[in-house]
C-alpha atoms as a PDB file:
ATOM      1  CA  MET A   1      -7.560  46.404 -48.295  1.00  0.00           C
ATOM      2  CA  LYS A   2      -9.603  42.927 -48.454  1.00  0.00           C
ATOM      3  CA  ASN A   3      -6.804  41.587 -46.304  1.00  0.00           C
ATOM      4  CA  ALA A   4      -6.708  44.097 -43.979  1.00  0.00           C
ATOM      5  CA  ILE A   5     -10.622  44.010 -43.302  1.00  0.00           C
ATOM      6  CA  LYS A   6     -10.288  40.297 -43.025  1.00  0.00           C
ATOM      7  CA  LEU A   7      -7.346  40.550 -40.672  1.00  0.00           C
ATOM      8  CA  VAL A   8      -9.443  43.001 -38.461  1.00  0.00           C
ATOM      9  CA  LEU A   9     -12.723  40.880 -38.487  1.00  0.00           C
ATOM     10  CA  VAL A  10     -10.479  37.623 -37.623  1.00  0.00           C
ATOM     11  CA  ALA A  11      -8.872  39.806 -34.564  1.00  0.00           C
ATOM     12  CA  LEU A  12     -12.342  40.975 -33.499  1.00  0.00           C
ATOM     13  CA  LEU A  13     -13.902  37.308 -33.463  1.00  0.00           C
ATOM     14  CA  ALA A  14     -10.587  36.201 -31.567  1.00  0.00           C
ATOM     15  CA  LEU A  15     -11.141  38.955 -28.983  1.00  0.00           C
ATOM     16  CA  VAL A  16     -14.816  38.425 -28.748  1.00  0.00           C
ATOM     17  CA  GLY A  17     -14.760  34.615 -28.507  1.00  0.00           C
ATOM     18  CA  GLY A  18     -11.834  35.121 -25.921  1.00  0.00           C
ATOM     19  CA  THR A  19     -13.843  36.988 -23.597  1.00  0.00           C
ATOM     20  CA  ALA A  20     -16.703  34.944 -23.734  1.00  0.00           C
ATOM     21  CA  MET A  21     -14.719  31.900 -22.933  1.00  0.00           C
ATOM     22  CA  ALA A  22     -13.293  33.846 -20.156  1.00  0.00           C
ATOM     23  CA  GLN A  23     -16.999  34.797 -18.799  1.00  0.00           C
ATOM     24  CA  GLN A  24     -17.616  30.703 -18.592  1.00  0.00           C
ATOM     25  CA  VAL A  25     -14.676  30.237 -16.455  1.00  0.00           C
ATOM     26  CA  LYS A  26     -16.171  29.598 -12.680  1.00  0.00           C
ATOM     27  CA  LEU A  27     -13.757  28.629  -9.553  1.00  0.00           C
ATOM     28  CA  ALA A  28     -14.890  27.093  -6.165  1.00  0.00           C
ATOM     29  CA  TYR A  29     -13.448  25.798  -3.056  1.00  0.00           C
ATOM     30  CA  ILE A  30     -14.411  22.865  -1.257  1.00  0.00           C
ATOM     31  CA  ASN A  31     -13.686  21.582   2.264  1.00  0.00           C
ATOM     32  CA  SER A  32     -12.299  18.130   1.261  1.00  0.00           C
ATOM     33  CA  SER A  33     -12.050  16.955   4.642  1.00  0.00           C
ATOM     34  CA  GLU A  34     -15.510  18.015   5.671  1.00  0.00           C
ATOM     35  CA  LEU A  35     -16.270  16.459   2.480  1.00  0.00           C
ATOM     36  CA  PHE A  36     -14.720  12.981   3.342  1.00  0.00           C
ATOM     37  CA  GLU A  37     -16.205  13.293   6.818  1.00  0.00           C
ATOM     38  CA  ALA A  38     -19.705  13.130   5.245  1.00  0.00           C
ATOM     39  CA  MET A  39     -19.403  10.351   2.817  1.00  0.00           C
ATOM     40  CA  PRO A  40     -21.120   7.109   3.804  1.00  0.00           C
ATOM     41  CA  GLU A  41     -18.517   4.996   2.547  1.00  0.00           C
ATOM     42  CA  ARG A  42     -15.776   6.426   4.810  1.00  0.00           C
ATOM     43  CA  GLU A  43     -16.893   4.241   8.036  1.00  0.00           C
ATOM     44  CA  ALA A  44     -16.731   1.260   5.956  1.00  0.00           C
ATOM     45  CA  ALA A  45     -13.606   2.277   4.299  1.00  0.00           C
ATOM     46  CA  PHE A  46     -11.970   3.192   7.740  1.00  0.00           C
ATOM     47  CA  THR A  47     -13.004  -0.293   9.293  1.00  0.00           C
ATOM     48  CA  GLY A  48     -11.448  -2.165   6.315  1.00  0.00           C
ATOM     49  CA  LEU A  49      -8.269  -0.481   6.760  1.00  0.00           C
ATOM     50  CA  GLN A  50      -8.290  -1.297  10.385  1.00  0.00           C
ATOM     51  CA  ALA A  51      -8.738  -4.904   9.593  1.00  0.00           C
ATOM     52  CA  PHE A  52      -6.041  -4.856   7.036  1.00  0.00           C
ATOM     53  CA  VAL A  53      -3.471  -3.074   9.547  1.00  0.00           C
ATOM     54  CA  LYS A  54      -4.394  -5.412  12.300  1.00  0.00           C
ATOM     55  CA  ASP A  55      -3.482  -8.726   9.862  1.00  0.00           C
ATOM     56  CA  PHE A  56      -0.321  -7.176   8.974  1.00  0.00           C
ATOM     57  CA  GLU A  57       0.483  -6.289  12.687  1.00  0.00           C
ATOM     58  CA  ASP A  58      -0.534  -9.956  13.688  1.00  0.00           C
ATOM     59  CA  GLN A  59       2.170 -11.040  11.303  1.00  0.00           C
ATOM     60  CA  LEU A  60       5.066  -9.053  12.468  1.00  0.00           C
ATOM     61  CA  GLU A  61       4.150 -10.252  16.099  1.00  0.00           C
ATOM     62  CA  LEU A  62       4.248 -13.879  14.928  1.00  0.00           C
ATOM     63  CA  ILE A  63       7.499 -13.352  13.012  1.00  0.00           C
ATOM     64  CA  GLN A  64       8.945 -11.751  15.851  1.00  0.00           C
ATOM     65  CA  VAL A  65       7.761 -14.216  18.354  1.00  0.00           C
ATOM     66  CA  GLU A  66       9.489 -16.843  16.228  1.00  0.00           C
ATOM     67  CA  LEU A  67      12.744 -14.790  15.970  1.00  0.00           C
ATOM     68  CA  ASN A  68      13.121 -14.396  19.628  1.00  0.00           C
ATOM     69  CA  THR A  69      12.479 -17.764  20.579  1.00  0.00           C
ATOM     70  CA  LYS A  70      15.034 -18.772  17.849  1.00  0.00           C
ATOM     71  CA  PHE A  71      17.370 -16.515  19.032  1.00  0.00           C
ATOM     72  CA  GLN A  72      17.092 -17.325  22.737  1.00  0.00           C
ATOM     73  CA  ASP A  73      17.642 -21.229  21.667  1.00  0.00           C
ATOM     74  CA  TYR A  74      20.620 -20.081  19.526  1.00  0.00           C
ATOM     75  CA  GLN A  75      22.266 -18.235  22.673  1.00  0.00           C
ATOM     76  CA  LYS A  76      21.613 -20.911  25.100  1.00  0.00           C
ATOM     77  CA  ASN A  77      22.878 -23.880  22.659  1.00  0.00           C
ATOM     78  CA  SER A  78      25.201 -21.906  20.823  1.00  0.00           C
ATOM     79  CA  SER A  79      28.443 -23.750  22.435  1.00  0.00           C
ATOM     80  CA  THR A  80      27.242 -27.052  21.600  1.00  0.00           C
ATOM     81  CA  PHE A  81      26.492 -26.438  18.181  1.00  0.00           C
ATOM     82  CA  THR A  82      29.208 -27.594  15.586  1.00  0.00           C
ATOM     83  CA  GLU A  83      30.604 -24.986  13.035  1.00  0.00           C
ATOM     84  CA  ALA A  84      27.886 -26.216  10.295  1.00  0.00           C
ATOM     85  CA  GLN A  85      25.252 -26.040  12.444  1.00  0.00           C
ATOM     86  CA  ARG A  86      26.286 -22.850  13.871  1.00  0.00           C
ATOM     87  CA  THR A  87      26.071 -21.017  10.696  1.00  0.00           C
ATOM     88  CA  LEU A  88      22.883 -22.720   9.717  1.00  0.00           C
ATOM     89  CA  LYS A  89      21.344 -21.550  12.515  1.00  0.00           C
ATOM     90  CA  GLU A  90      22.992 -17.875  12.120  1.00  0.00           C
ATOM     91  CA  LYS A  91      21.732 -17.919   8.495  1.00  0.00           C
ATOM     92  CA  GLU A  92      18.030 -19.071   9.663  1.00  0.00           C
ATOM     93  CA  LEU A  93      18.185 -16.231  11.893  1.00  0.00           C
ATOM     94  CA  GLN A  94      19.264 -13.926   9.255  1.00  0.00           C
ATOM     95  CA  ASP A  95      16.786 -14.930   6.638  1.00  0.00           C
ATOM     96  CA  LEU A  96      14.205 -14.592   9.507  1.00  0.00           C
ATOM     97  CA  SER A  97      15.003 -11.036  10.246  1.00  0.00           C
ATOM     98  CA  SER A  98      14.999 -10.372   6.427  1.00  0.00           C
ATOM     99  CA  ARG A  99      11.497 -11.613   6.195  1.00  0.00           C
ATOM    100  CA  MET A 100      10.253  -9.615   8.974  1.00  0.00           C
ATOM    101  CA  GLN A 101      11.924  -6.498   7.203  1.00  0.00           C
ATOM    102  CA  GLU A 102      10.404  -7.176   4.166  1.00  0.00           C
ATOM    103  CA  THR A 103       6.681  -7.999   5.602  1.00  0.00           C
ATOM    104  CA  GLN A 104       7.030  -4.396   7.370  1.00  0.00           C
ATOM    105  CA  GLN A 105       7.918  -2.637   4.400  1.00  0.00           C
ATOM    106  CA  PHE A 106       5.258  -4.474   2.342  1.00  0.00           C
ATOM    107  CA  ALA A 107       2.685  -3.646   4.631  1.00  0.00           C
ATOM    108  CA  GLU A 108       3.980  -0.007   4.952  1.00  0.00           C
ATOM    109  CA  GLN A 109       3.509   0.394   1.150  1.00  0.00           C
ATOM    110  CA  GLU A 110       0.014  -1.638   1.178  1.00  0.00           C
ATOM    111  CA  VAL A 111      -1.329   0.751   3.738  1.00  0.00           C
END
């Protein structure tokens, strides 16, 4: 009998406690894009990101110009190269191309 009373009391307390906790839960929705638009730091962050992207674009452009120049030189003079020179120039072009791809992938990850 005492056990039954204790069991009923524990069940009653659990029910009352659960109801009280359920009443404390509040839900809210926010418009995150509107919130981001209103943030004063937004402009500074956007400007910083643009500068960051511009730096990578400049790096990639320099590598592209160098690659194009060396490739044109290779095409123009390849007939005069020895086999060793040709192999060396081809490896140089491949390394430069790989460097450009790595820089591009790194830039995409960082942005």
